[in-house]
Amino acid sequence: MQGIKYDQDKDRWDLVPWTEFKEVVRVLTYGANKYKPDNWKNVENPQDRYFAACQRHLIAWKEGEFKDESTFHHLAHAICCLLFLMWFDKSAGAATEKAG
């Protein structure tokens, strides 16, 4: 007898390129060790600073430099910056919803 599983509308985690995502996690781990875990949440003016950092990493990559001084791929750093920006964006939206 064939089993049934209703997962057609579930998120497809199997689509994530895990090898590349592991490097993003390594960048996060590097940052946690260099500063402290979740230090990025307490940076002053984070939206502007992480947007600028993301641009620096993207430009370096576009100009043919693949790894920065941490030895991690510039795009992994850029992804971290984008994740931070998304977190701040959603956190600000949640705060606005609670206040309204």
PDB file of N, CA and C in Angstrom:
ATOM      1  N   MET A   1       0.847  -1.182   0.000  1.00  0.00           N
ATOM      2  CA  MET A   1       0.000   0.000   0.000  1.00  0.00           C
ATOM      3  C   MET A   1       0.890   1.242   0.000  1.00  0.00           C
ATOM      4  N   GLN A   2       0.541   2.202  -0.828  1.00  0.00           N
ATOM      5  CA  GLN A   2       1.282   3.462  -0.949  1.00  0.00           C
ATOM      6  C   GLN A   2       0.907   4.395   0.202  1.00  0.00           C
ATOM      7  N   GLY A   3       1.919   4.983   0.831  1.00  0.00           N
ATOM      8  CA  GLY A   3       1.664   5.945   1.896  1.00  0.00           C
ATOM      9  C   GLY A   3       1.246   7.299   1.340  1.00  0.00           C
ATOM     10  N   ILE A   4       0.589   8.067   2.177  1.00  0.00           N
ATOM     11  CA  ILE A   4       0.124   9.397   1.777  1.00  0.00           C
ATOM     12  C   ILE A   4       0.764  10.431   2.700  1.00  0.00           C
ATOM     13  N   LYS A   5       1.227  11.502   2.096  1.00  0.00           N
ATOM     14  CA  LYS A   5       1.783  12.619   2.868  1.00  0.00           C
ATOM     15  C   LYS A   5       1.390  13.896   2.153  1.00  0.00           C
ATOM     16  N   TYR A   6       0.655  14.755   2.827  1.00  0.00           N
ATOM     17  CA  TYR A   6       0.198  16.003   2.235  1.00  0.00           C
ATOM     18  C   TYR A   6       1.230  17.093   2.504  1.00  0.00           C
ATOM     19  N   ASP A   7       2.240  17.169   1.643  1.00  0.00           N
ATOM     20  CA  ASP A   7       3.281  18.172   1.838  1.00  0.00           C
ATOM     21  C   ASP A   7       3.503  19.023   0.585  1.00  0.00           C
ATOM     22  N   GLN A   8       2.556  19.011  -0.324  1.00  0.00           N
ATOM     23  CA  GLN A   8       2.693  19.744  -1.572  1.00  0.00           C
ATOM     24  C   GLN A   8       2.829  21.258  -1.341  1.00  0.00           C
ATOM     25  N   ASP A   9       2.172  21.781  -0.335  1.00  0.00           N
ATOM     26  CA  ASP A   9       2.175  23.225  -0.090  1.00  0.00           C
ATOM     27  C   ASP A   9       3.165  23.643   0.997  1.00  0.00           C
ATOM     28  N   LYS A  10       4.033  22.748   1.389  1.00  0.00           N
ATOM     29  CA  LYS A  10       5.035  23.050   2.417  1.00  0.00           C
ATOM     30  C   LYS A  10       6.241  23.749   1.798  1.00  0.00           C
ATOM     31  N   ASP A  11       6.997  24.482   2.629  1.00  0.00           N
ATOM     32  CA  ASP A  11       8.232  25.107   2.161  1.00  0.00           C
ATOM     33  C   ASP A  11       9.195  24.044   1.681  1.00  0.00           C
ATOM     34  N   ARG A  12       9.891  24.307   0.590  1.00  0.00           N
ATOM     35  CA  ARG A  12      10.805  23.348  -0.041  1.00  0.00           C
ATOM     36  C   ARG A  12      12.239  23.601   0.421  1.00  0.00           C
ATOM     37  N   TRP A  13      12.576  23.184   1.626  1.00  0.00           N
ATOM     38  CA  TRP A  13      13.920  23.342   2.169  1.00  0.00           C
ATOM     39  C   TRP A  13      14.956  22.569   1.369  1.00  0.00           C
ATOM     40  N   ASP A  14      14.511  21.583   0.637  1.00  0.00           N
ATOM     41  CA  ASP A  14      15.438  20.805  -0.187  1.00  0.00           C
ATOM     42  C   ASP A  14      15.976  21.611  -1.368  1.00  0.00           C
ATOM     43  N   LEU A  15      15.415  22.793  -1.625  1.00  0.00           N
ATOM     44  CA  LEU A  15      15.870  23.643  -2.720  1.00  0.00           C
ATOM     45  C   LEU A  15      17.040  24.549  -2.337  1.00  0.00           C
ATOM     46  N   VAL A  16      17.341  24.637  -1.053  1.00  0.00           N
ATOM     47  CA  VAL A  16      18.434  25.496  -0.589  1.00  0.00           C
ATOM     48  C   VAL A  16      19.774  24.862  -0.967  1.00  0.00           C
ATOM     49  N   PRO A  17      20.676  25.638  -1.589  1.00  0.00           N
ATOM     50  CA  PRO A  17      22.012  25.103  -1.898  1.00  0.00           C
ATOM     51  C   PRO A  17      22.855  25.066  -0.615  1.00  0.00           C
ATOM     52  N   TRP A  18      22.826  23.936   0.081  1.00  0.00           N
ATOM     53  CA  TRP A  18      23.385  23.838   1.426  1.00  0.00           C
ATOM     54  C   TRP A  18      24.889  24.066   1.492  1.00  0.00           C
ATOM     55  N   THR A  19      25.627  23.680   0.477  1.00  0.00           N
ATOM     56  CA  THR A  19      27.078  23.893   0.499  1.00  0.00           C
ATOM     57  C   THR A  19      27.379  25.382   0.587  1.00  0.00           C
ATOM     58  N   GLU A  20      26.684  26.187  -0.199  1.00  0.00           N
ATOM     59  CA  GLU A  20      26.882  27.632  -0.171  1.00  0.00           C
ATOM     60  C   GLU A  20      26.347  28.238   1.126  1.00  0.00           C
ATOM     61  N   PHE A  21      25.227  27.715   1.586  1.00  0.00           N
ATOM     62  CA  PHE A  21      24.646  28.238   2.824  1.00  0.00           C
ATOM     63  C   PHE A  21      25.558  27.972   4.016  1.00  0.00           C
ATOM     64  N   LYS A  22      26.298  26.869   3.972  1.00  0.00           N
ATOM     65  CA  LYS A  22      27.242  26.570   5.056  1.00  0.00           C
ATOM     66  C   LYS A  22      28.293  27.668   5.173  1.00  0.00           C
ATOM     67  N   GLU A  23      28.704  28.251   4.051  1.00  0.00           N
ATOM     68  CA  GLU A  23      29.685  29.332   4.118  1.00  0.00           C
ATOM     69  C   GLU A  23      29.080  30.581   4.761  1.00  0.00           C
ATOM     70  N   VAL A  24      27.804  30.820   4.532  1.00  0.00           N
ATOM     71  CA  VAL A  24      27.117  31.926   5.206  1.00  0.00           C
ATOM     72  C   VAL A  24      27.138  31.693   6.716  1.00  0.00           C
ATOM     73  N   VAL A  25      26.864  30.472   7.132  1.00  0.00           N
ATOM     74  CA  VAL A  25      26.893  30.135   8.561  1.00  0.00           C
ATOM     75  C   VAL A  25      28.308  30.298   9.115  1.00  0.00           C
ATOM     76  N   ARG A  26      29.314  29.952   8.321  1.00  0.00           N
ATOM     77  CA  ARG A  26      30.705  30.131   8.764  1.00  0.00           C
ATOM     78  C   ARG A  26      31.031  31.611   8.938  1.00  0.00           C
ATOM     79  N   VAL A  27      30.511  32.475   8.064  1.00  0.00           N
ATOM     80  CA  VAL A  27      30.710  33.922   8.226  1.00  0.00           C
ATOM     81  C   VAL A  27      30.046  34.386   9.524  1.00  0.00           C
ATOM     82  N   LEU A  28      28.845  33.913   9.786  1.00  0.00           N
ATOM     83  CA  LEU A  28      28.157  34.275  11.036  1.00  0.00           C
ATOM     84  C   LEU A  28      28.941  33.801  12.253  1.00  0.00           C
ATOM     85  N   THR A  29      29.487  32.599  12.178  1.00  0.00           N
ATOM     86  CA  THR A  29      30.291  32.055  13.273  1.00  0.00           C
ATOM     87  C   THR A  29      31.562  32.872  13.453  1.00  0.00           C
ATOM     88  N   TYR A  30      32.198  33.235  12.358  1.00  0.00           N
ATOM     89  CA  TYR A  30      33.393  34.072  12.397  1.00  0.00           C
ATOM     90  C   TYR A  30      33.085  35.393  13.106  1.00  0.00           C
ATOM     91  N   GLY A  31      31.979  36.020  12.739  1.00  0.00           N
ATOM     92  CA  GLY A  31      31.576  37.277  13.372  1.00  0.00           C
ATOM     93  C   GLY A  31      31.266  37.120  14.847  1.00  0.00           C
ATOM     94  N   ALA A  32      30.610  36.013  15.202  1.00  0.00           N
ATOM     95  CA  ALA A  32      30.292  35.765  16.616  1.00  0.00           C
ATOM     96  C   ALA A  32      31.561  35.577  17.435  1.00  0.00           C
ATOM     97  N   ASN A  33      32.558  34.921  16.849  1.00  0.00           N
ATOM     98  CA  ASN A  33      33.833  34.722  17.549  1.00  0.00           C
ATOM     99  C   ASN A  33      34.654  36.003  17.619  1.00  0.00           C
ATOM    100  N   LYS A  34      34.615  36.799  16.555  1.00  0.00           N
ATOM    101  CA  LYS A  34      35.402  38.035  16.502  1.00  0.00           C
ATOM    102  C   LYS A  34      34.817  39.097  17.438  1.00  0.00           C
ATOM    103  N   TYR A  35      33.518  39.205  17.484  1.00  0.00           N
ATOM    104  CA  TYR A  35      32.833  40.203  18.307  1.00  0.00           C
ATOM    105  C   TYR A  35      32.160  39.488  19.474  1.00  0.00           C
ATOM    106  N   LYS A  36      30.901  39.110  19.283  1.00  0.00           N
ATOM    107  CA  LYS A  36      30.160  38.246  20.203  1.00  0.00           C
ATOM    108  C   LYS A  36      28.882  37.835  19.495  1.00  0.00           C
ATOM    109  N   PRO A  37      28.255  36.749  19.914  1.00  0.00           N
ATOM    110  CA  PRO A  37      27.030  36.316  19.237  1.00  0.00           C
ATOM    111  C   PRO A  37      25.975  37.429  19.217  1.00  0.00           C
ATOM    112  N   ASP A  38      25.364  37.608  18.083  1.00  0.00           N
ATOM    113  CA  ASP A  38      24.299  38.597  17.878  1.00  0.00           C
ATOM    114  C   ASP A  38      24.740  40.046  18.073  1.00  0.00           C
ATOM    115  N   ASN A  39      26.045  40.303  18.063  1.00  0.00           N
ATOM    116  CA  ASN A  39      26.546  41.674  18.166  1.00  0.00           C
ATOM    117  C   ASN A  39      25.954  42.562  17.082  1.00  0.00           C
ATOM    118  N   TRP A  40      25.727  42.009  15.910  1.00  0.00           N
ATOM    119  CA  TRP A  40      25.200  42.778  14.772  1.00  0.00           C
ATOM    120  C   TRP A  40      23.867  43.440  15.086  1.00  0.00           C
ATOM    121  N   LYS A  41      23.115  42.893  16.035  1.00  0.00           N
ATOM    122  CA  LYS A  41      21.813  43.471  16.387  1.00  0.00           C
ATOM    123  C   LYS A  41      21.949  44.793  17.141  1.00  0.00           C
ATOM    124  N   ASN A  42      23.144  45.063  17.668  1.00  0.00           N
ATOM    125  CA  ASN A  42      23.357  46.247  18.503  1.00  0.00           C
ATOM    126  C   ASN A  42      24.209  47.325  17.839  1.00  0.00           C
ATOM    127  N   VAL A  43      24.516  47.168  16.569  1.00  0.00           N
ATOM    128  CA  VAL A  43      25.323  48.155  15.853  1.00  0.00           C
ATOM    129  C   VAL A  43      24.495  49.412  15.627  1.00  0.00           C
ATOM    130  N   GLU A  44      25.115  50.562  15.840  1.00  0.00           N
ATOM    131  CA  GLU A  44      24.434  51.831  15.642  1.00  0.00           C
ATOM    132  C   GLU A  44      24.188  52.075  14.156  1.00  0.00           C
ATOM    133  N   ASN A  45      23.007  52.589  13.834  1.00  0.00           N
ATOM    134  CA  ASN A  45      22.619  52.896  12.457  1.00  0.00           C
ATOM    135  C   ASN A  45      22.805  51.669  11.539  1.00  0.00           C
ATOM    136  N   PRO A  46      22.236  50.542  11.927  1.00  0.00           N
ATOM    137  CA  PRO A  46      22.533  49.286  11.226  1.00  0.00           C
ATOM    138  C   PRO A  46      22.078  49.235   9.770  1.00  0.00           C
ATOM    139  N   GLN A  47      20.929  49.840   9.455  1.00  0.00           N
ATOM    140  CA  GLN A  47      20.454  49.737   8.076  1.00  0.00           C
ATOM    141  C   GLN A  47      21.447  50.359   7.099  1.00  0.00           C
ATOM    142  N   ASP A  48      21.943  51.542   7.410  1.00  0.00           N
ATOM    143  CA  ASP A  48      22.899  52.192   6.520  1.00  0.00           C
ATOM    144  C   ASP A  48      24.239  51.461   6.507  1.00  0.00           C
ATOM    145  N   ARG A  49      24.689  51.015   7.662  1.00  0.00           N
ATOM    146  CA  ARG A  49      26.010  50.398   7.749  1.00  0.00           C
ATOM    147  C   ARG A  49      26.049  49.019   7.096  1.00  0.00           C
ATOM    148  N   TYR A  50      25.000  48.207   7.286  1.00  0.00           N
ATOM    149  CA  TYR A  50      25.000  46.887   6.658  1.00  0.00           C
ATOM    150  C   TYR A  50      24.693  46.974   5.160  1.00  0.00           C
ATOM    151  N   PHE A  51      23.940  48.008   4.755  1.00  0.00           N
ATOM    152  CA  PHE A  51      23.733  48.221   3.323  1.00  0.00           C
ATOM    153  C   PHE A  51      25.063  48.587   2.674  1.00  0.00           C
ATOM    154  N   ALA A  52      25.824  49.482   3.309  1.00  0.00           N
ATOM    155  CA  ALA A  52      27.133  49.874   2.781  1.00  0.00           C
ATOM    156  C   ALA A  52      28.092  48.680   2.756  1.00  0.00           C
ATOM    157  N   ALA A  53      28.082  47.876   3.813  1.00  0.00           N
ATOM    158  CA  ALA A  53      28.952  46.696   3.867  1.00  0.00           C
ATOM    159  C   ALA A  53      28.575  45.712   2.763  1.00  0.00           C
ATOM    160  N   CYS A  54      27.291  45.527   2.554  1.00  0.00           N
ATOM    161  CA  CYS A  54      26.826  44.636   1.492  1.00  0.00           C
ATOM    162  C   CYS A  54      27.330  45.128   0.141  1.00  0.00           C
ATOM    163  N   GLN A  55      27.219  46.422  -0.093  1.00  0.00           N
ATOM    164  CA  GLN A  55      27.699  46.991  -1.352  1.00  0.00           C
ATOM    165  C   GLN A  55      29.201  46.782  -1.523  1.00  0.00           C
ATOM    166  N   ARG A  56      29.973  46.990  -0.454  1.00  0.00           N
ATOM    167  CA  ARG A  56      31.422  46.785  -0.542  1.00  0.00           C
ATOM    168  C   ARG A  56      31.743  45.347  -0.952  1.00  0.00           C
ATOM    169  N   HIS A  57      31.052  44.382  -0.350  1.00  0.00           N
ATOM    170  CA  HIS A  57      31.296  42.987  -0.681  1.00  0.00           C
ATOM    171  C   HIS A  57      30.866  42.668  -2.116  1.00  0.00           C
ATOM    172  N   LEU A  58      29.740  43.207  -2.532  1.00  0.00           N
ATOM    173  CA  LEU A  58      29.279  42.965  -3.898  1.00  0.00           C
ATOM    174  C   LEU A  58      30.218  43.591  -4.926  1.00  0.00           C
ATOM    175  N   ILE A  59      30.685  44.799  -4.659  1.00  0.00           N
ATOM    176  CA  ILE A  59      31.591  45.463  -5.592  1.00  0.00           C
ATOM    177  C   ILE A  59      32.919  44.720  -5.669  1.00  0.00           C
ATOM    178  N   ALA A  60      33.440  44.297  -4.518  1.00  0.00           N
ATOM    179  CA  ALA A  60      34.698  43.531  -4.522  1.00  0.00           C
ATOM    180  C   ALA A  60      34.533  42.261  -5.347  1.00  0.00           C
ATOM    181  N   TRP A  61      33.407  41.563  -5.163  1.00  0.00           N
ATOM    182  CA  TRP A  61      33.142  40.346  -5.938  1.00  0.00           C
ATOM    183  C   TRP A  61      33.027  40.659  -7.425  1.00  0.00           C
ATOM    184  N   LYS A  62      32.299  41.732  -7.754  1.00  0.00           N
ATOM    185  CA  LYS A  62      32.099  42.105  -9.156  1.00  0.00           C
ATOM    186  C   LYS A  62      33.425  42.451  -9.822  1.00  0.00           C
ATOM    187  N   GLU A  63      34.367  43.004  -9.042  1.00  0.00           N
ATOM    188  CA  GLU A  63      35.680  43.361  -9.571  1.00  0.00           C
ATOM    189  C   GLU A  63      36.647  42.182  -9.597  1.00  0.00           C
ATOM    190  N   GLY A  64      36.166  40.990  -9.238  1.00  0.00           N
ATOM    191  CA  GLY A  64      36.980  39.792  -9.368  1.00  0.00           C
ATOM    192  C   GLY A  64      37.669  39.319  -8.107  1.00  0.00           C
ATOM    193  N   GLU A  65      37.390  39.937  -6.987  1.00  0.00           N
ATOM    194  CA  GLU A  65      37.964  39.483  -5.707  1.00  0.00           C
ATOM    195  C   GLU A  65      36.927  38.589  -5.045  1.00  0.00           C
ATOM    196  N   PHE A  66      37.270  37.349  -4.817  1.00  0.00           N
ATOM    197  CA  PHE A  66      36.264  36.415  -4.324  1.00  0.00           C
ATOM    198  C   PHE A  66      36.235  36.272  -2.813  1.00  0.00           C
ATOM    199  N   LYS A  67      37.363  36.430  -2.150  1.00  0.00           N
ATOM    200  CA  LYS A  67      37.404  36.268  -0.695  1.00  0.00           C
ATOM    201  C   LYS A  67      37.999  37.515  -0.055  1.00  0.00           C
ATOM    202  N   ASP A  68      37.496  37.838   1.139  1.00  0.00           N
ATOM    203  CA  ASP A  68      38.060  38.986   1.843  1.00  0.00           C
ATOM    204  C   ASP A  68      39.111  38.505   2.836  1.00  0.00           C
ATOM    205  N   GLU A  69      39.550  39.403   3.721  1.00  0.00           N
ATOM    206  CA  GLU A  69      40.633  39.049   4.648  1.00  0.00           C
ATOM    207  C   GLU A  69      40.262  37.920   5.611  1.00  0.00           C
ATOM    208  N   SER A  70      38.978  37.673   5.777  1.00  0.00           N
ATOM    209  CA  SER A  70      38.538  36.568   6.642  1.00  0.00           C
ATOM    210  C   SER A  70      38.675  35.218   5.935  1.00  0.00           C
ATOM    211  N   THR A  71      38.969  35.233   4.668  1.00  0.00           N
ATOM    212  CA  THR A  71      39.079  34.070   3.765  1.00  0.00           C
ATOM    213  C   THR A  71      37.720  33.499   3.344  1.00  0.00           C
ATOM    214  N   PHE A  72      36.644  34.176   3.691  1.00  0.00           N
ATOM    215  CA  PHE A  72      35.316  33.742   3.269  1.00  0.00           C
ATOM    216  C   PHE A  72      34.884  34.518   2.034  1.00  0.00           C
ATOM    217  N   HIS A  73      34.036  33.917   1.252  1.00  0.00           N
ATOM    218  CA  HIS A  73      33.564  34.484  -0.003  1.00  0.00           C
ATOM    219  C   HIS A  73      32.828  35.809   0.245  1.00  0.00           C
ATOM    220  N   HIS A  74      33.109  36.783  -0.598  1.00  0.00           N
ATOM    221  CA  HIS A  74      32.427  38.079  -0.480  1.00  0.00           C
ATOM    222  C   HIS A  74      30.912  37.933  -0.564  1.00  0.00           C
ATOM    223  N   LEU A  75      30.440  37.025  -1.382  1.00  0.00           N
ATOM    224  CA  LEU A  75      28.990  36.863  -1.502  1.00  0.00           C
ATOM    225  C   LEU A  75      28.377  36.293  -0.225  1.00  0.00           C
ATOM    226  N   ALA A  76      29.111  35.461   0.497  1.00  0.00           N
ATOM    227  CA  ALA A  76      28.612  34.958   1.790  1.00  0.00           C
ATOM    228  C   ALA A  76      28.486  36.113   2.777  1.00  0.00           C
ATOM    229  N   HIS A  77      29.461  37.024   2.760  1.00  0.00           N
ATOM    230  CA  HIS A  77      29.372  38.219   3.613  1.00  0.00           C
ATOM    231  C   HIS A  77      28.182  39.085   3.203  1.00  0.00           C
ATOM    232  N   ALA A  78      27.992  39.254   1.885  1.00  0.00           N
ATOM    233  CA  ALA A  78      26.876  40.064   1.399  1.00  0.00           C
ATOM    234  C   ALA A  78      25.543  39.452   1.817  1.00  0.00           C
ATOM    235  N   ILE A  79      25.441  38.129   1.741  1.00  0.00           N
ATOM    236  CA  ILE A  79      24.213  37.448   2.167  1.00  0.00           C
ATOM    237  C   ILE A  79      23.951  37.699   3.643  1.00  0.00           C
ATOM    238  N   CYS A  80      24.990  37.657   4.465  1.00  0.00           N
ATOM    239  CA  CYS A  80      24.820  37.947   5.893  1.00  0.00           C
ATOM    240  C   CYS A  80      24.283  39.370   6.078  1.00  0.00           C
ATOM    241  N   CYS A  81      24.866  40.318   5.361  1.00  0.00           N
ATOM    242  CA  CYS A  81      24.396  41.703   5.452  1.00  0.00           C
ATOM    243  C   CYS A  81      22.924  41.805   5.061  1.00  0.00           C
ATOM    244  N   LEU A  82      22.542  41.104   4.009  1.00  0.00           N
ATOM    245  CA  LEU A  82      21.146  41.128   3.573  1.00  0.00           C
ATOM    246  C   LEU A  82      20.220  40.479   4.604  1.00  0.00           C
ATOM    247  N   LEU A  83      20.679  39.397   5.212  1.00  0.00           N
ATOM    248  CA  LEU A  83      19.883  38.774   6.280  1.00  0.00           C
ATOM    249  C   LEU A  83      19.701  39.731   7.449  1.00  0.00           C
ATOM    250  N   PHE A  84      20.770  40.444   7.803  1.00  0.00           N
ATOM    251  CA  PHE A  84      20.682  41.428   8.886  1.00  0.00           C
ATOM    252  C   PHE A  84      19.681  42.525   8.518  1.00  0.00           C
ATOM    253  N   LEU A  85      19.788  43.035   7.292  1.00  0.00           N
ATOM    254  CA  LEU A  85      18.865  44.084   6.851  1.00  0.00           C
ATOM    255  C   LEU A  85      17.419  43.597   6.878  1.00  0.00           C
ATOM    256  N   MET A  86      17.207  42.373   6.453  1.00  0.00           N
ATOM    257  CA  MET A  86      15.848  41.812   6.477  1.00  0.00           C
ATOM    258  C   MET A  86      15.345  41.688   7.907  1.00  0.00           C
ATOM    259  N   TRP A  87      16.230  41.257   8.820  1.00  0.00           N
ATOM    260  CA  TRP A  87      15.854  41.122  10.226  1.00  0.00           C
ATOM    261  C   TRP A  87      15.463  42.482  10.804  1.00  0.00           C
ATOM    262  N   PHE A  88      16.280  43.511  10.526  1.00  0.00           N
ATOM    263  CA  PHE A  88      15.961  44.856  11.024  1.00  0.00           C
ATOM    264  C   PHE A  88      14.665  45.367  10.407  1.00  0.00           C
ATOM    265  N   ASP A  89      14.459  45.105   9.126  1.00  0.00           N
ATOM    266  CA  ASP A  89      13.245  45.538   8.450  1.00  0.00           C
ATOM    267  C   ASP A  89      12.015  44.893   9.076  1.00  0.00           C
ATOM    268  N   LYS A  90      12.097  43.581   9.310  1.00  0.00           N
ATOM    269  CA  LYS A  90      10.967  42.879   9.918  1.00  0.00           C
ATOM    270  C   LYS A  90      10.770  43.275  11.376  1.00  0.00           C
ATOM    271  N   SER A  91      11.868  43.500  12.091  1.00  0.00           N
ATOM    272  CA  SER A  91      11.769  43.919  13.496  1.00  0.00           C
ATOM    273  C   SER A  91      11.124  45.288  13.608  1.00  0.00           C
ATOM    274  N   ALA A  92      11.494  46.192  12.712  1.00  0.00           N
ATOM    275  CA  ALA A  92      10.901  47.533  12.708  1.00  0.00           C
ATOM    276  C   ALA A  92       9.416  47.453  12.366  1.00  0.00           C
ATOM    277  N   GLY A  93       9.084  46.581  11.411  1.00  0.00           N
ATOM    278  CA  GLY A  93       7.677  46.405  11.037  1.00  0.00           C
ATOM    279  C   GLY A  93       6.855  45.825  12.164  1.00  0.00           C
ATOM    280  N   ALA A  94       7.436  44.879  12.893  1.00  0.00           N
ATOM    281  CA  ALA A  94       6.733  44.276  14.034  1.00  0.00           C
ATOM    282  C   ALA A  94       6.529  45.302  15.128  1.00  0.00           C
ATOM    283  N   ALA A  95       7.529  46.163  15.352  1.00  0.00           N
ATOM    284  CA  ALA A  95       7.409  47.207  16.377  1.00  0.00           C
ATOM    285  C   ALA A  95       6.334  48.213  15.985  1.00  0.00           C
ATOM    286  N   THR A  96       6.256  48.544  14.699  1.00  0.00           N
ATOM    287  CA  THR A  96       5.244  49.494  14.213  1.00  0.00           C
ATOM    288  C   THR A  96       3.855  48.892  14.367  1.00  0.00           C
ATOM    289  N   GLU A  97       3.716  47.596  14.059  1.00  0.00           N
ATOM    290  CA  GLU A  97       2.417  46.939  14.202  1.00  0.00           C
ATOM    291  C   GLU A  97       1.959  46.925  15.656  1.00  0.00           C
ATOM    292  N   LYS A  98       2.902  46.674  16.577  1.00  0.00           N
ATOM    293  CA  LYS A  98       2.546  46.651  17.997  1.00  0.00           C
ATOM    294  C   LYS A  98       2.139  48.030  18.488  1.00  0.00           C
ATOM    295  N   ALA A  99       2.833  49.069  17.996  1.00  0.00           N
ATOM    296  CA  ALA A  99       2.542  50.436  18.428  1.00  0.00           C
ATOM    297  C   ALA A  99       1.219  50.931  17.861  1.00  0.00           C
ATOM    298  N   GLY A 100       0.851  50.454  16.683  1.00  0.00           N
ATOM    299  CA  GLY A 100      -0.364  50.925  15.992  1.00  0.00           C
ATOM    300  C   GLY A 100      -1.538  50.201  16.455  1.00  0.00           C
TER     301      GLY A 100
END
